[in-house]
Protein backbone atom coordinates (compact mmCIF):
# COMPACT_ATOMS: atom_id res chain seq x y z
CA MET A 1 127.23 94.27 107.49
CA ASP A 2 123.31 95.86 106.45
CA MET A 3 120.53 94.53 108.35
CA ASN A 4 118.25 93.15 106.22
CA VAL A 5 114.72 94.96 107.86
CA GLU A 6 112.74 92.73 105.61
CA GLU A 7 114.46 89.07 106.54
CA ARG A 8 114.83 89.90 109.88
CA ILE A 9 110.79 90.18 110.01
CA LYS A 10 110.00 87.40 107.10
CA THR A 11 108.56 88.96 104.34
CA THR A 12 109.52 89.05 100.99
CA ALA A 13 107.56 92.31 100.19
CA THR A 14 109.43 95.40 99.10
CA LEU A 15 108.61 97.91 102.13
CA PRO A 16 108.67 101.39 101.04
CA PRO A 17 111.50 103.45 102.86
CA GLU A 18 109.65 105.00 105.47
CA ARG A 19 107.81 101.95 106.71
CA ARG A 20 111.63 100.16 106.52
CA THR A 21 113.25 102.85 108.58
CA ILE A 22 110.79 102.82 111.19
CA ILE A 23 110.72 98.73 111.45
CA HIS A 24 115.08 98.99 111.24
CA LEU A 25 114.68 102.06 114.07
CA MET A 26 112.36 99.47 116.57
CA LEU A 27 114.37 96.69 115.88
CA VAL A 28 117.42 99.08 116.76
CA ASN A 29 115.32 100.43 119.50
CA ASN A 30 114.81 96.83 120.56
CA HIS A 31 118.52 95.65 120.33
CA ILE A 32 118.86 99.13 122.58
CA GLN A 33 116.68 98.16 125.63
CA ASP A 34 117.62 94.27 126.31
CA VAL A 35 121.69 95.62 126.22
CA LEU A 36 120.55 98.39 128.67
CA ALA A 37 118.84 96.11 130.20
CA GLN A 38 121.29 93.68 130.93
CA ALA A 39 123.58 95.87 131.73
CA LEU A 40 120.85 97.04 135.14
CA LYS A 41 120.38 93.23 135.91
CA PRO A 42 123.17 92.77 138.39
CA HIS A 43 121.95 95.90 140.16
CA ASP A 44 118.20 94.79 140.60
CA VAL A 45 117.07 97.97 138.77
CA SER A 46 114.53 98.67 134.78
CA ILE A 47 115.71 101.16 132.85
CA GLN A 48 112.81 103.02 134.00
CA GLN A 49 114.19 103.06 137.46
CA PHE A 50 117.59 103.94 136.64
CA ASN A 51 116.03 106.83 134.80
CA VAL A 52 114.57 107.91 138.01
CA LEU A 53 117.52 107.82 139.60
CA ARG A 54 119.43 109.99 137.48
CA ILE A 55 116.65 112.99 137.32
CA LEU A 56 116.75 112.94 140.78
CA ARG A 57 120.88 113.03 140.40
CA GLY A 58 119.78 115.95 138.02
CA GLN A 59 118.24 117.84 141.19
CA LYS A 60 121.80 118.18 142.73
CA GLY A 61 119.97 117.49 146.07
CA GLU A 62 116.75 119.00 145.68
CA PRO A 63 113.73 116.86 146.39
CA ALA A 64 111.58 115.60 142.86
CA ASN A 65 107.46 115.94 143.45
CA LEU A 66 106.07 113.11 140.95
CA SER A 67 105.54 115.18 138.29
CA THR A 68 108.76 117.25 137.98
CA LEU A 69 110.63 113.41 137.48
CA ASN A 70 107.08 112.13 134.92
CA GLU A 71 108.20 115.28 132.55
CA ARG A 72 111.98 114.23 132.22
CA MET A 73 111.62 111.41 132.10
CA VAL A 74 112.59 109.18 128.47
CA SER A 75 110.07 107.92 127.99
CA ARG A 76 106.86 109.15 129.78
CA MET A 77 104.31 106.58 131.68
CA SER A 78 101.65 107.10 134.39
CA ASN A 79 103.25 104.23 136.87
CA THR A 80 105.59 106.45 137.89
CA THR A 81 104.69 106.18 141.81
CA ARG A 82 105.19 102.42 141.44
CA LEU A 83 108.89 102.91 140.14
CA VAL A 84 110.00 105.45 142.53
CA ASP A 85 107.65 102.39 145.54
CA LYS A 86 110.23 99.90 144.35
CA LEU A 87 113.16 102.23 144.59
CA ILE A 88 112.09 103.41 148.03
CA LEU A 89 111.97 99.22 149.06
CA LYS A 90 114.87 99.17 147.64
CA GLY A 91 116.61 101.50 149.96
CA LEU A 92 118.20 103.76 146.62
CA THR A 93 114.67 106.71 147.47
CA ALA A 94 113.28 108.23 149.80
CA ARG A 95 109.85 110.21 149.94
CA ASN A 96 108.74 113.43 152.51
CA THR A 97 105.11 114.21 152.93
CA CYS A 98 104.87 117.50 153.22
CA SER A 99 102.90 118.07 156.65
CA GLU A 100 101.60 121.55 155.59
CA ASN A 101 100.00 119.87 152.28
CA ARG A 102 99.31 115.95 152.71
CA ARG A 103 99.48 115.57 148.44
CA LYS A 104 102.98 117.73 147.78
CA VAL A 105 105.65 114.73 147.63
CA GLU A 106 108.88 114.68 147.38
CA ILE A 107 111.15 112.73 145.94
CA ARG A 108 115.12 112.27 146.67
CA LEU A 109 117.97 110.16 146.55
CA THR A 110 119.13 108.33 149.37
CA GLU A 111 123.03 107.56 149.86
CA GLU A 112 123.00 104.23 149.18
CA GLY A 113 120.80 105.19 145.70
CA ILE A 114 124.05 108.34 144.67
CA SER A 115 126.78 105.32 145.52
CA ALA A 116 124.61 101.99 143.80
CA LEU A 117 124.03 105.12 140.96
CA SER A 118 127.52 105.43 140.12
CA THR A 119 127.92 101.78 139.78
CA MET A 120 125.30 101.94 137.52
CA ASP A 121 126.63 104.40 136.01
CA ARG A 122 129.71 102.56 134.54
CA ALA A 123 128.30 99.25 133.60
CA VAL A 124 125.56 101.62 131.14
CA GLU A 125 128.44 103.67 130.25
CA ARG A 126 130.05 100.13 128.39
CA ALA A 127 127.10 99.06 127.33
CA GLU A 128 126.81 102.39 125.25
CA LYS A 129 129.88 102.93 124.02
CA GLU A 130 129.63 98.76 122.96
CA LEU A 131 126.41 99.68 121.05
CA MET A 132 127.46 102.64 119.43
CA SER A 133 130.79 101.17 119.37
CA ALA A 134 129.87 100.98 114.61
CA LEU A 135 129.64 104.92 114.12
CA ASP A 136 132.88 106.64 114.50
CA PRO A 137 131.96 110.62 116.52
CA LYS A 138 131.50 111.89 113.59
CA GLU A 139 128.75 109.55 112.28
CA LEU A 140 126.75 109.62 115.70
CA ILE A 141 127.24 113.41 115.56
CA VAL A 142 124.90 112.88 111.67
CA LEU A 143 122.67 110.41 112.63
CA ASN A 144 121.29 112.79 115.37
CA LYS A 145 120.86 115.70 113.46
CA LEU A 146 118.73 113.49 111.59
CA LEU A 147 117.17 111.77 114.27
CA ASP A 148 116.25 115.60 115.67
CA GLN A 149 114.77 116.29 112.27
CA ILE A 150 112.29 113.68 112.56
CA ALA A 151 111.89 114.60 116.19
CA LEU A 152 111.54 118.75 115.76
CA LYS A 153 108.94 118.17 113.15
CA TYR A 154 106.44 116.55 115.98
CA GLU A 155 107.34 118.70 118.75
């Protein structure tokens, strides 16, 4: 079943293919964000907080600073400090300020954060599989190649 973008945005105009594609991608992105947010809701963590936790896990026990987190975020934002503060309050991360250089702040996962992240991973993986269930593995590869073509033009 095709998504009728024009019907969804309530227009009778014939959209140029570029505009229709962009609107289509935005609608799909919104749906993905909603589904992932619902998967994480029982864990009281936002998609951005989950992303911070995964980045910290990727550090393999080494701490990260705020600029490292910001560089690796899927969606770059200026409120990384606030995201980390919320994760600290939940006991999922810890912050250490260097005694020699007070501006150097290191953030790492706590044991509780590692455990919680493992549970969140399963919820997100189920959501991802469901979101992509309309496509077979070969179609996913083709879609990724097409998206890469768009993304590479702007890197």
